[in-house]
Amino acid sequence: MKIKSLAAPYFSNFVKADNIDVENKVNYIYRSNDNLDRNEVVGLCALLNSDLFDNYFRTFNGNVNVSATELRNMVFPPLDIIKEIGNKIILSNDYQMENVNKIVNEMFQFELVSA
């Protein structure tokens, strides 16, 4: 059984607060002086949670723990692709991993192969 980290969105309109506290082992991605768009957040979460990304990360890092340094050093696709992934998931209204993996794989022209 694979155990992996989970990327989860936090939308600022869910809670009315000036600040939030996070545990010191929680990594977060943000934009200085502005909010990420909903499609950016959903696209980033989808990408980070995808089997494609998980396999890539494990191959090059040898573990499942993602540190802040590793996040900073990761090469992400262009923002327009991240937004497109987010848009496709939002429009499908299906956030299950099967759909997330399908959309991420399609964006990078991978086909799912059944065993």
Foldseek 3Di string as FASTA:
>chain_A
DDDADAQDDDDCVVDDDPDDDDDPLDDDDADPPDGDDQLLSQLVRLCCPAPVNQVVCCVVPVDRRAGNVNVVPDDDPDSVLSSVLSVVCVVVVDSDRVVSNCSVCVSVVHDDDDD
